[in-house]
Protein backbone atom coordinates (compact mmCIF):
# COMPACT_ATOMS: atom_id res chain seq x y z
CA MET A 1 42.02 119.58 47.26
CA THR A 2 40.32 118.79 43.76
CA ASP A 3 36.79 117.93 43.86
CA LEU A 4 36.57 113.73 43.20
CA ASN A 5 33.59 114.55 41.11
CA ASN A 6 35.92 116.07 38.06
CA VAL A 7 38.91 113.73 38.83
CA LYS A 8 39.48 110.10 36.98
CA LEU A 9 41.58 108.43 38.55
CA ILE A 10 43.41 105.13 37.36
CA LYS A 11 43.21 102.11 39.66
CA THR A 12 46.83 99.96 40.41
CA SER A 13 45.08 97.03 39.65
CA THR A 14 43.89 98.26 35.87
CA LEU A 15 47.44 98.38 34.46
CA GLU A 16 48.50 95.03 36.45
CA THR A 17 45.84 93.36 34.67
CA ILE A 18 46.58 94.52 31.29
CA GLU A 19 49.75 93.86 31.89
CA THR A 20 49.63 90.42 32.96
CA PHE A 21 47.12 89.76 30.22
CA CYS A 22 49.99 90.78 27.49
CA ARG A 23 52.78 88.74 29.94
CA ARG A 24 50.90 85.44 29.48
CA ASN A 25 50.14 85.81 25.90
CA GLY A 26 53.18 87.33 24.80
CA HIS A 27 51.68 90.17 22.91
CA THR A 28 53.06 93.88 23.55
CA LEU A 29 51.02 96.55 25.42
CA ILE A 30 52.17 100.23 23.71
CA ASP A 31 51.81 103.25 25.45
CA ILE A 32 50.04 106.17 23.60
CA GLU A 33 50.86 109.89 24.78
CA GLY A 34 50.88 108.35 28.87
CA ARG A 35 47.14 108.36 27.88
CA LEU A 36 46.03 105.28 25.93
CA LYS A 37 46.97 101.51 25.71
CA VAL A 38 47.03 99.56 22.52
CA ILE A 39 47.80 96.02 21.55
CA GLU A 40 48.55 95.98 17.93
CA LEU A 41 48.12 91.83 16.86
CA ARG A 42 49.15 90.43 12.98
CA VAL A 43 46.45 87.64 12.35
CA LYS A 44 47.51 85.33 8.89
CA VAL A 45 44.53 83.07 8.09
CA GLY A 46 45.96 81.20 4.95
CA ARG A 47 48.00 83.63 3.02
CA ASN A 48 46.35 86.49 4.09
CA THR A 49 47.18 89.16 6.50
CA PHE A 50 45.54 91.64 8.43
CA PHE A 51 45.79 93.40 11.73
CA ILE A 52 43.46 94.26 14.66
CA HIS A 53 43.80 96.69 17.54
CA ILE A 54 42.75 96.33 21.06
CA VAL A 55 42.50 99.93 22.83
CA PHE A 56 42.46 100.46 26.54
CA ASN A 57 40.60 103.67 28.33
CA PRO A 58 42.43 103.10 31.51
CA TRP A 59 39.95 105.31 33.25
CA GLN A 60 37.06 103.39 31.40
CA PHE A 61 38.71 99.92 32.10
CA ASP A 62 35.67 99.12 34.97
CA GLU A 63 32.75 100.63 33.13
CA LYS A 64 33.51 99.56 29.18
CA PRO A 65 35.42 96.77 27.32
CA PRO A 66 38.69 97.50 24.95
CA ILE A 67 37.88 98.87 21.98
CA PHE A 68 38.33 96.41 18.91
CA GLU A 69 39.06 97.43 15.67
CA ILE A 70 40.52 95.60 12.71
CA MET A 71 42.74 96.73 9.88
CA ASN A 72 43.91 96.03 6.54
CA VAL A 73 40.13 94.73 5.19
CA ASP A 74 37.26 95.70 3.22
CA LEU A 75 34.62 94.92 5.65
CA PRO A 76 30.77 95.68 4.97
CA ILE A 77 28.13 96.91 7.48
CA SER A 78 27.83 93.52 9.71
CA LYS A 79 26.14 92.18 12.19
CA THR A 80 26.60 88.38 14.28
CA SER A 81 24.97 87.17 17.39
CA LEU A 82 28.09 88.98 18.68
CA VAL A 83 28.54 91.82 16.53
CA SER A 84 25.57 94.83 16.88
CA ASN A 85 27.81 96.70 14.25
CA THR A 86 30.46 97.55 12.39
CA THR A 87 32.08 100.84 11.33
CA ALA A 88 34.75 102.03 8.84
CA ILE A 89 37.19 104.43 10.37
CA ASN A 90 39.51 104.81 7.92
CA THR A 91 38.73 103.49 3.84
CA VAL A 92 41.86 103.94 3.16
CA GLU A 93 43.58 102.12 5.42
CA GLY A 94 40.74 99.67 5.82
CA ARG A 95 40.19 100.17 9.23
CA TYR A 96 36.99 98.87 10.83
CA ARG A 97 35.33 99.21 14.44
CA VAL A 98 33.70 96.33 15.69
CA THR A 99 30.99 97.19 18.41
CA PHE A 100 29.91 94.26 20.43
CA ASN A 101 26.15 93.87 21.69
CA GLU A 102 24.78 94.76 25.03
CA LYS A 103 25.49 91.30 26.46
CA CYS A 104 29.88 92.00 26.06
CA THR A 105 29.10 95.26 28.16
CA GLN A 106 27.23 93.76 30.95
CA GLU A 107 29.81 90.69 31.08
CA TRP A 108 32.65 92.91 31.15
CA ILE A 109 31.39 94.86 34.35
CA ALA A 110 30.71 91.91 36.20
CA ASN A 111 34.30 90.07 35.51
CA ARG A 112 36.69 92.51 33.46
CA ASP A 113 37.84 89.98 32.63
CA LEU A 114 41.04 89.97 29.69
CA GLY A 115 41.51 86.54 28.82
CA HIS A 116 37.33 85.76 28.49
CA TYR A 117 36.64 88.83 26.76
CA TYR A 118 39.36 87.81 23.79
CA GLN A 119 38.67 84.35 23.65
CA ASN A 120 34.88 84.61 23.89
CA TRP A 121 34.32 87.58 21.58
CA ILE A 122 37.15 88.81 19.50
CA GLU A 123 38.12 85.35 18.24
CA ILE A 124 34.40 84.39 17.94
CA ALA A 125 33.48 87.62 16.16
CA ILE A 126 36.94 87.35 13.48
CA GLU A 127 35.48 83.84 12.83
CA GLN A 128 32.17 85.25 11.87
CA LEU A 129 33.31 88.29 10.40
CA LEU A 130 35.76 86.63 7.99
CA PRO A 131 33.44 85.05 5.07
CA ARG A 132 32.48 88.91 4.58
CA ILE A 133 36.56 90.38 4.60
CA THR A 134 37.95 91.16 1.60
CA PHE A 135 41.80 91.18 2.50
CA ARG A 136 43.65 93.85 1.37
CA ASN A 137 47.42 92.33 2.35
CA LEU A 138 49.05 95.59 2.05
CA ARG A 139 52.88 95.54 3.07
CA THR A 140 53.08 97.87 6.47
CA VAL A 141 56.22 98.81 8.44
CA PRO A 142 56.16 100.22 12.11
CA GLY A 143 55.49 104.03 12.13
CA VAL A 144 54.55 106.11 14.79
CA TRP A 145 54.08 104.17 18.27
CA ASN A 146 56.31 101.23 16.55
CA LEU A 147 52.55 100.69 15.29
CA HIS A 148 51.58 99.26 12.06
CA PHE A 149 48.43 101.38 11.50
CA PRO A 150 49.16 104.47 13.70
CA ASN A 151 47.06 107.04 12.50
CA ALA A 152 43.75 105.56 14.26
CA MET A 153 45.42 106.45 17.79
CA LYS A 154 45.40 109.77 16.55
CA GLY A 155 41.76 109.86 16.63
CA HIS A 156 41.01 108.25 19.85
CA LEU A 157 43.26 110.81 21.60
CA GLU A 158 41.49 113.67 19.83
CA ARG A 159 37.77 111.83 20.99
CA LEU A 160 39.82 111.66 24.77
CA GLN A 161 40.10 115.05 24.98
CA SER A 162 37.47 115.96 23.48
CA SER A 163 35.31 114.19 26.71
CA VAL A 164 37.64 115.99 29.03
CA SER A 165 37.08 119.14 27.77
CA LYS A 166 33.08 118.96 27.38
CA ASN A 167 32.76 117.16 31.19
CA ASN A 168 35.60 119.99 32.75
CA LEU A 169 36.97 116.49 33.51
CA ILE A 170 40.72 116.02 35.01
CA LEU A 171 42.53 112.76 34.04
CA TYR A 172 45.45 111.48 36.50
CA ASN A 173 47.60 109.31 35.18
CA VAL A 174 48.70 106.18 37.48
CA GLU A 175 51.46 108.43 39.44
CA GLU A 176 49.02 111.02 39.84
CA SER A 177 46.17 108.40 40.92
CA ILE A 178 48.69 106.47 43.83
CA GLN A 179 49.68 110.52 45.24
CA TYR A 180 46.21 111.79 45.06
CA HIS A 181 44.64 108.30 46.87
CA GLU A 182 47.90 108.92 49.33
CA ARG A 183 46.68 112.37 50.07
CA LEU A 184 43.05 111.04 50.58
CA ARG A 185 44.27 108.57 52.92
CA LEU A 186 46.26 111.67 54.93
CA THR A 187 43.61 113.55 55.08
CA ALA A 188 41.07 111.13 56.19
CA GLU A 189 43.62 109.84 59.20
CA MET A 190 44.19 113.56 60.29
CA GLU A 191 40.22 113.96 60.26
CA SER A 192 39.81 110.76 62.25
CA LEU A 193 42.55 111.71 64.88
CA LYS A 194 40.67 114.66 65.65
CA LEU A 195 37.32 112.96 65.89
CA ASN A 196 38.90 111.07 68.27
CA ALA A 197 40.44 113.54 70.30
CA LYS A 198 37.02 115.65 70.08
CA LYS A 199 35.42 112.46 71.68
CA GLU A 200 37.87 111.94 74.65
CA THR A 201 37.00 115.28 75.52
CA PHE A 202 33.41 115.01 75.18
CA ARG A 203 33.76 111.90 77.47
CA LEU A 204 36.34 113.69 79.72
CA ASN A 205 33.62 116.38 80.26
CA LEU A 206 30.49 114.45 80.58
CA GLU A 207 31.87 112.62 83.62
CA LYS A 208 32.77 116.16 85.06
CA ALA A 209 28.84 118.09 84.11
CA LYS A 210 27.15 118.33 87.25
CA SER A 211 23.65 119.27 85.63
CA ALA A 212 21.61 118.29 82.85
CA ASN A 213 22.27 121.70 81.28
CA GLU A 214 26.00 121.56 81.01
CA ILE A 215 25.44 118.02 79.18
CA THR A 216 22.70 119.96 76.70
CA VAL A 217 25.14 122.04 76.21
CA LEU A 218 28.00 119.47 75.53
CA ILE A 219 26.09 118.09 73.20
CA LYS A 220 25.62 121.04 70.72
CA GLU A 221 29.26 122.02 70.99
CA PHE A 222 29.88 118.62 69.75
CA GLY A 223 27.78 119.01 67.11
CA GLY A 224 24.15 117.82 67.80
CA LYS A 225 22.44 114.66 68.76
CA THR A 226 22.09 113.37 64.86
CA LEU A 227 26.17 113.65 64.99
CA ILE A 228 26.64 111.87 68.03
CA GLU A 229 23.89 109.43 66.97
CA LYS A 230 26.18 109.15 63.58
CA GLU A 231 29.62 108.94 65.36
CA PHE A 232 29.36 108.61 68.44
CA SER A 233 26.85 106.32 69.29
CA GLU A 234 28.52 104.55 71.58
CA VAL A 235 28.19 107.27 74.30
CA LEU A 236 24.34 107.26 74.14
CA GLN A 237 23.56 105.18 77.02
CA ARG A 238 26.01 106.95 79.24
CA ILE A 239 24.50 110.27 78.22
CA SER A 240 21.01 109.40 79.85
CA GLN A 241 22.65 107.87 82.52
CA ARG A 242 24.34 111.15 83.50
CA ILE A 243 21.52 113.48 82.94
CA ASP A 244 19.44 110.79 85.30
CA GLU A 245 22.66 111.19 87.75
CA CYS A 246 22.73 115.33 87.51
CA SER A 247 18.69 115.51 87.98
CA LYS A 248 18.72 113.15 91.06
CA GLN A 249 21.66 115.77 92.33
CA GLU A 250 19.79 118.78 91.58
CA ILE A 251 16.80 117.57 93.94
CA LYS A 252 18.15 118.00 97.79
CA PRO A 253 16.20 116.30 100.37
CA LEU A 254 13.97 118.44 103.02
CA ASP A 255 15.62 119.56 105.57
CA PHE A 256 13.13 119.85 108.08
CA GLU A 257 15.73 121.48 111.22
CA ASP A 258 15.97 124.73 108.40
CA GLU A 259 12.64 127.52 109.04
CA SER A 260 12.76 127.94 105.69
CA PHE A 261 11.19 124.84 104.99
CA THR A 262 8.19 125.04 107.79
CA ALA A 263 5.32 127.89 107.92
CA ASP A 264 4.53 127.76 111.42
CA THR A 265 5.56 131.09 113.17
CA THR A 266 5.30 129.67 116.66
CA TYR A 267 8.43 127.47 115.86
CA GLN A 268 11.43 128.63 117.76
CA SER A 269 14.91 127.49 118.15
CA THR A 270 15.57 125.43 121.24
CA THR A 271 18.83 126.74 121.27
CA LYS A 272 19.48 128.18 124.90
CA VAL A 273 20.58 131.67 125.63
CA LYS A 274 22.78 132.27 128.60
CA GLY A 275 21.68 134.98 131.14
CA LYS A 276 24.41 137.39 132.04
CA GLY A 277 26.03 136.79 135.40
CA HIS A 278 26.07 139.32 138.46
CA ARG A 279 29.64 139.96 140.25
CA ARG A 280 29.48 140.33 144.15
CA TYR A 281 31.94 141.67 145.98
């Protein structure tokens, strides 16, 4: 089985969380090459219009909040109480990435609440940045992936693939992640059955043991005392009892009728020897 350290899985709950957020708010979730997910929203401010992207990397959902980008505007490098930086990604289409401060990441890791993230970070950040925005109001039509601004998705995919190659990672989609977890579950069940059978065999042989040496051999065959303490601690008391029992059985009481237990050379058996009879005629 592939080393789990190199495998990145998607939790079923991750997509359920994203899809629930979209359904409750009337947003459309768009799939990008089976890798990324994105929400594209048209925002109107008076007569002006611009777009925002909320980009999800499902493999990093637990660790990092979604990427937030603004399109169809001109925006200078800006900082606010929420925003630590704005970066120009594509000046032709007027795309800028908004990077939130560290508190945002901390809150995200703590609760991963998309509703809270949208209302308390994205919406407020837009309000803070609006005075600095110059609207382009370019007319656009949906293109690749049915997005008005699809070009940046190629960059997101390229950065994701670069990270995969650099770190020798394997990305499993939802179906593959489910299958992987199922294989892990079945493997764990088989190992558990083997361990239970091994425990039962040990119990039986422990009760049959006739000497402390036999018990010592059983412990070694199981894997040693350390493994027993870790996986089979409930039998430790019985092991001690059986060792005591076997030790007592090995010490036999003295039989003073046995000549081998006396050094007295004058000792003689009291058994009478019958003499030979004589036959008379």
